Every structure is written in C-alpha cells, then in structure tokens.
Amino acid sequence: MTIKQSLSPFMIPQYLDAIFWDFDGVLINSNSIREMGFEKVLSDYPKEKVEALLQFHKANGGLSRYVKFRHFFENILGEKPTAEKLFNCHLVFRKLCKKH
C-alpha cells in the first residue's frame, strides 16, 4: 500500500480503533477560541453589533462560521456582503483559530 492510499478518507489505518471529528466544538469546547476569532475578524465594526453576533453564536453553536458571518452582515448590519468580503472573513477567522 502506498502512502497516498493509506491517507484515503475511506481507509482507517489498522492501528486506530476510532477517529473522532469535532467540527462544531461538541467534543472539545472551542467556543472561547471561536469567540476570539469573531471578535478579531470583526474588530472594525461597532462592538454592540459584534456582541449581537456573539450572542447568536452562543445560541447556535452547531452552525458553521459561514452561516454566522452571513448572519452578521445580512441580519445584524443589514447589508449584502460580497463573496470576497465573506471569503476574507472566513480566511482570517481560520488562521486566527488555527493558532490557538
């Protein structure tokens, strides 16, 4: 078996009994890291608007950051974000959260 084959998403190496994926922070509480990410990415916006997003985030922990950023711009700020603006928010958020 080649290394590439052993990394196939459909093949679990024999030495592992299980793999846990925690994309939404259910197994390990990553909310504080995600909150920091939202605060830093949106630091140029009014604090009360960012706080509204953080409340939405806390009430909807299982939703992806993509949904949350769109909610921030469309429902909290009342504006239609460009695809580029959303992409940049996601990119910076990911980099910030990976550091922690």
N, C-alpha and C. Protein backbone atom coordinates (compact mmCIF):
# COMPACT_ATOMS: atom_id res chain seq x y z
N MET A 1 0.85 -1.17 0.00
CA MET A 1 0.00 0.00 0.00
C MET A 1 0.90 1.24 0.00
N THR A 2 0.56 2.22 -0.83
CA THR A 2 1.33 3.45 -0.88
C THR A 2 0.87 4.40 0.22
N ILE A 3 1.68 5.42 0.48
CA ILE A 3 1.30 6.42 1.48
C ILE A 3 0.01 7.11 1.07
N LYS A 4 -0.11 7.42 -0.20
CA LYS A 4 -1.32 8.09 -0.69
C LYS A 4 -2.55 7.22 -0.42
N GLN A 5 -2.45 5.94 -0.66
CA GLN A 5 -3.58 5.04 -0.42
C GLN A 5 -3.91 4.97 1.07
N SER A 6 -2.89 5.00 1.91
CA SER A 6 -3.14 4.90 3.35
C SER A 6 -3.81 6.16 3.90
N LEU A 7 -3.73 7.26 3.17
CA LEU A 7 -4.36 8.51 3.59
C LEU A 7 -5.75 8.70 3.00
N SER A 8 -6.22 7.71 2.29
CA SER A 8 -7.56 7.78 1.71
C SER A 8 -8.59 7.98 2.82
N PRO A 9 -9.59 8.86 2.60
CA PRO A 9 -10.59 9.10 3.65
C PRO A 9 -11.45 7.88 3.94
N PHE A 10 -11.38 6.87 3.11
CA PHE A 10 -12.20 5.67 3.31
C PHE A 10 -11.42 4.52 3.94
N MET A 11 -10.16 4.76 4.24
CA MET A 11 -9.34 3.70 4.83
C MET A 11 -8.81 4.17 6.18
N ILE A 12 -9.11 3.44 7.21
CA ILE A 12 -8.61 3.75 8.55
C ILE A 12 -7.43 2.82 8.82
N PRO A 13 -6.27 3.38 9.15
CA PRO A 13 -5.12 2.52 9.43
C PRO A 13 -5.46 1.49 10.51
N GLN A 14 -4.84 0.33 10.42
CA GLN A 14 -5.17 -0.78 11.33
C GLN A 14 -4.86 -0.47 12.79
N TYR A 15 -3.93 0.42 13.06
CA TYR A 15 -3.58 0.71 14.45
C TYR A 15 -4.58 1.64 15.14
N LEU A 16 -5.56 2.15 14.41
CA LEU A 16 -6.57 3.01 15.02
C LEU A 16 -7.88 2.25 15.22
N ASP A 17 -8.49 2.48 16.37
CA ASP A 17 -9.81 1.89 16.62
C ASP A 17 -10.91 2.86 16.24
N ALA A 18 -10.63 4.15 16.33
CA ALA A 18 -11.65 5.16 16.04
C ALA A 18 -10.99 6.50 15.73
N ILE A 19 -11.70 7.31 14.99
CA ILE A 19 -11.30 8.68 14.71
C ILE A 19 -12.49 9.55 15.08
N PHE A 20 -12.24 10.57 15.87
CA PHE A 20 -13.30 11.50 16.26
C PHE A 20 -13.10 12.82 15.52
N TRP A 21 -14.11 13.25 14.82
CA TRP A 21 -14.10 14.54 14.15
C TRP A 21 -14.96 15.49 14.97
N ASP A 22 -14.42 16.65 15.28
CA ASP A 22 -15.14 17.60 16.12
C ASP A 22 -15.20 18.95 15.40
N PHE A 23 -16.01 19.01 14.36
CA PHE A 23 -16.08 20.22 13.56
C PHE A 23 -16.84 21.35 14.23
N ASP A 24 -17.71 21.03 15.16
CA ASP A 24 -18.54 22.08 15.75
C ASP A 24 -18.27 22.31 17.23
N GLY A 25 -17.21 21.74 17.77
CA GLY A 25 -16.84 22.00 19.15
C GLY A 25 -17.67 21.29 20.19
N VAL A 26 -18.28 20.20 19.82
CA VAL A 26 -19.11 19.46 20.78
C VAL A 26 -18.23 18.62 21.71
N LEU A 27 -17.22 17.96 21.18
CA LEU A 27 -16.36 17.11 21.99
C LEU A 27 -15.38 17.92 22.83
N ILE A 28 -14.80 18.92 22.24
CA ILE A 28 -13.89 19.82 22.93
C ILE A 28 -14.47 21.22 22.79
N ASN A 29 -14.75 21.86 23.90
CA ASN A 29 -15.38 23.17 23.87
C ASN A 29 -14.39 24.19 23.32
N SER A 30 -14.61 24.59 22.08
CA SER A 30 -13.74 25.56 21.43
C SER A 30 -14.43 26.91 21.28
N ASN A 31 -15.52 27.12 22.01
CA ASN A 31 -16.27 28.36 21.87
C ASN A 31 -15.44 29.60 22.18
N SER A 32 -14.60 29.55 23.20
CA SER A 32 -13.81 30.75 23.54
C SER A 32 -12.85 31.11 22.41
N ILE A 33 -12.30 30.11 21.75
CA ILE A 33 -11.40 30.35 20.62
C ILE A 33 -12.19 30.94 19.45
N ARG A 34 -13.35 30.38 19.20
CA ARG A 34 -14.19 30.89 18.10
C ARG A 34 -14.68 32.29 18.40
N GLU A 35 -15.05 32.56 19.65
CA GLU A 35 -15.49 33.91 20.02
C GLU A 35 -14.37 34.92 19.78
N MET A 36 -13.15 34.56 20.18
CA MET A 36 -11.99 35.42 19.94
C MET A 36 -11.82 35.66 18.44
N GLY A 37 -12.00 34.62 17.65
CA GLY A 37 -11.88 34.76 16.20
C GLY A 37 -12.90 35.73 15.63
N PHE A 38 -14.15 35.60 16.04
CA PHE A 38 -15.18 36.52 15.56
C PHE A 38 -14.86 37.96 15.99
N GLU A 39 -14.45 38.13 17.25
CA GLU A 39 -14.14 39.47 17.75
C GLU A 39 -13.01 40.13 16.96
N LYS A 40 -11.97 39.36 16.67
CA LYS A 40 -10.82 39.93 15.95
C LYS A 40 -11.15 40.20 14.49
N VAL A 41 -11.84 39.27 13.85
CA VAL A 41 -12.18 39.46 12.44
C VAL A 41 -13.09 40.68 12.27
N LEU A 42 -13.99 40.88 13.22
CA LEU A 42 -14.98 41.95 13.11
C LEU A 42 -14.64 43.16 13.97
N SER A 43 -13.38 43.32 14.33
CA SER A 43 -12.96 44.39 15.24
C SER A 43 -13.21 45.80 14.70
N ASP A 44 -13.37 45.96 13.40
CA ASP A 44 -13.63 47.29 12.82
C ASP A 44 -15.11 47.68 12.87
N TYR A 45 -15.95 46.78 13.33
CA TYR A 45 -17.39 47.04 13.39
C TYR A 45 -17.78 47.44 14.81
N PRO A 46 -18.93 48.10 14.97
CA PRO A 46 -19.36 48.51 16.32
C PRO A 46 -19.45 47.33 17.28
N LYS A 47 -18.97 47.56 18.50
CA LYS A 47 -18.92 46.48 19.50
C LYS A 47 -20.28 45.88 19.77
N GLU A 48 -21.33 46.70 19.80
CA GLU A 48 -22.67 46.15 20.08
C GLU A 48 -23.15 45.24 18.96
N LYS A 49 -22.70 45.48 17.74
CA LYS A 49 -23.05 44.61 16.61
C LYS A 49 -22.30 43.27 16.72
N VAL A 50 -21.03 43.37 17.09
CA VAL A 50 -20.23 42.15 17.27
C VAL A 50 -20.79 41.34 18.44
N GLU A 51 -21.20 42.02 19.49
CA GLU A 51 -21.80 41.34 20.64
C GLU A 51 -23.08 40.62 20.23
N ALA A 52 -23.85 41.23 19.35
CA ALA A 52 -25.06 40.58 18.85
C ALA A 52 -24.71 39.29 18.11
N LEU A 53 -23.61 39.32 17.35
CA LEU A 53 -23.18 38.09 16.68
C LEU A 53 -22.73 37.05 17.69
N LEU A 54 -22.01 37.47 18.71
CA LEU A 54 -21.55 36.51 19.73
C LEU A 54 -22.73 35.86 20.44
N GLN A 55 -23.78 36.61 20.68
CA GLN A 55 -24.98 36.03 21.29
C GLN A 55 -25.62 35.02 20.33
N PHE A 56 -25.66 35.36 19.04
CA PHE A 56 -26.18 34.43 18.03
C PHE A 56 -25.31 33.18 17.98
N HIS A 57 -24.01 33.36 18.04
CA HIS A 57 -23.06 32.25 18.03
C HIS A 57 -23.30 31.31 19.22
N LYS A 58 -23.46 31.89 20.40
CA LYS A 58 -23.68 31.08 21.61
C LYS A 58 -25.01 30.33 21.55
N ALA A 59 -26.02 30.95 20.97
CA ALA A 59 -27.33 30.32 20.88
C ALA A 59 -27.41 29.28 19.76
N ASN A 60 -26.46 29.33 18.83
CA ASN A 60 -26.48 28.45 17.65
C ASN A 60 -25.11 27.82 17.45
N GLY A 61 -24.61 27.17 18.49
CA GLY A 61 -23.26 26.61 18.47
C GLY A 61 -22.95 25.68 17.32
N GLY A 62 -23.93 24.94 16.85
CA GLY A 62 -23.67 23.95 15.82
C GLY A 62 -23.63 24.50 14.40
N LEU A 63 -24.01 25.76 14.23
CA LEU A 63 -23.98 26.35 12.88
C LEU A 63 -22.54 26.67 12.48
N SER A 64 -22.28 26.59 11.21
CA SER A 64 -20.92 26.88 10.73
C SER A 64 -20.63 28.37 10.78
N ARG A 65 -19.36 28.70 10.75
CA ARG A 65 -18.95 30.11 10.74
C ARG A 65 -19.44 30.81 9.48
N TYR A 66 -19.61 30.06 8.41
CA TYR A 66 -20.10 30.65 7.16
C TYR A 66 -21.49 31.23 7.36
N VAL A 67 -22.34 30.47 8.02
CA VAL A 67 -23.70 30.92 8.30
C VAL A 67 -23.66 32.11 9.26
N LYS A 68 -22.78 32.07 10.23
CA LYS A 68 -22.71 33.13 11.24
C LYS A 68 -22.20 34.44 10.65
N PHE A 69 -21.19 34.38 9.78
CA PHE A 69 -20.72 35.62 9.15
C PHE A 69 -21.81 36.21 8.25
N ARG A 70 -22.47 35.36 7.50
CA ARG A 70 -23.56 35.85 6.64
C ARG A 70 -24.66 36.48 7.50
N HIS A 71 -24.99 35.84 8.61
CA HIS A 71 -25.99 36.38 9.53
C HIS A 71 -25.56 37.76 10.04
N PHE A 72 -24.30 37.89 10.38
CA PHE A 72 -23.78 39.17 10.88
C PHE A 72 -24.03 40.28 9.87
N PHE A 73 -23.61 40.05 8.65
CA PHE A 73 -23.74 41.10 7.64
C PHE A 73 -25.19 41.35 7.24
N GLU A 74 -25.93 40.28 6.97
CA GLU A 74 -27.28 40.46 6.46
C GLU A 74 -28.29 40.84 7.53
N ASN A 75 -28.25 40.19 8.68
CA ASN A 75 -29.29 40.40 9.69
C ASN A 75 -28.92 41.41 10.76
N ILE A 76 -27.65 41.49 11.10
CA ILE A 76 -27.25 42.42 12.16
C ILE A 76 -26.89 43.79 11.57
N LEU A 77 -26.12 43.78 10.49
CA LEU A 77 -25.75 45.06 9.87
C LEU A 77 -26.75 45.51 8.81
N GLY A 78 -27.52 44.57 8.26
CA GLY A 78 -28.48 44.91 7.23
C GLY A 78 -27.85 45.23 5.89
N GLU A 79 -26.78 44.55 5.57
CA GLU A 79 -26.13 44.76 4.28
C GLU A 79 -25.89 43.44 3.57
N LYS A 80 -25.73 43.51 2.28
CA LYS A 80 -25.45 42.32 1.48
C LYS A 80 -23.95 42.22 1.29
N PRO A 81 -23.31 41.23 1.93
CA PRO A 81 -21.85 41.11 1.79
C PRO A 81 -21.45 40.55 0.43
N THR A 82 -20.32 41.01 -0.06
CA THR A 82 -19.80 40.44 -1.30
C THR A 82 -19.19 39.08 -0.98
N ALA A 83 -19.05 38.27 -2.00
CA ALA A 83 -18.41 36.97 -1.83
C ALA A 83 -16.98 37.15 -1.34
N GLU A 84 -16.32 38.19 -1.83
CA GLU A 84 -14.93 38.45 -1.42
C GLU A 84 -14.86 38.81 0.07
N LYS A 85 -15.79 39.64 0.55
CA LYS A 85 -15.79 40.01 1.97
C LYS A 85 -16.01 38.78 2.85
N LEU A 86 -16.96 37.93 2.48
CA LEU A 86 -17.20 36.71 3.25
C LEU A 86 -15.99 35.79 3.22
N PHE A 87 -15.40 35.63 2.06
CA PHE A 87 -14.22 34.77 1.93
C PHE A 87 -13.08 35.28 2.81
N ASN A 88 -12.85 36.59 2.80
CA ASN A 88 -11.78 37.16 3.63
C ASN A 88 -12.05 36.95 5.12
N CYS A 89 -13.30 37.11 5.53
CA CYS A 89 -13.65 36.86 6.94
C CYS A 89 -13.35 35.41 7.31
N HIS A 90 -13.75 34.48 6.46
CA HIS A 90 -13.52 33.06 6.72
C HIS A 90 -12.03 32.75 6.79
N LEU A 91 -11.28 33.33 5.86
CA LEU A 91 -9.85 33.06 5.80
C LEU A 91 -9.13 33.56 7.06
N VAL A 92 -9.39 34.79 7.45
CA VAL A 92 -8.75 35.35 8.64
C VAL A 92 -9.19 34.58 9.89
N PHE A 93 -10.48 34.27 9.98
CA PHE A 93 -11.02 33.51 11.11
C PHE A 93 -10.29 32.17 11.25
N ARG A 94 -10.16 31.47 10.14
CA ARG A 94 -9.49 30.16 10.15
C ARG A 94 -8.05 30.28 10.64
N LYS A 95 -7.33 31.28 10.14
CA LYS A 95 -5.93 31.46 10.52
C LYS A 95 -5.82 31.79 12.01
N LEU A 96 -6.69 32.65 12.50
CA LEU A 96 -6.66 33.03 13.92
C LEU A 96 -6.94 31.82 14.81
N CYS A 97 -7.96 31.05 14.44
CA CYS A 97 -8.36 29.91 15.28
C CYS A 97 -7.34 28.78 15.23
N LYS A 98 -6.64 28.64 14.11
CA LYS A 98 -5.62 27.59 14.00
C LYS A 98 -4.45 27.86 14.93
N LYS A 99 -4.16 29.13 15.19
CA LYS A 99 -3.06 29.50 16.08
C LYS A 99 -3.31 29.03 17.50
N HIS A 100 -4.57 28.94 17.86
CA HIS A 100 -4.92 28.61 19.24
C HIS A 100 -5.36 27.17 19.30
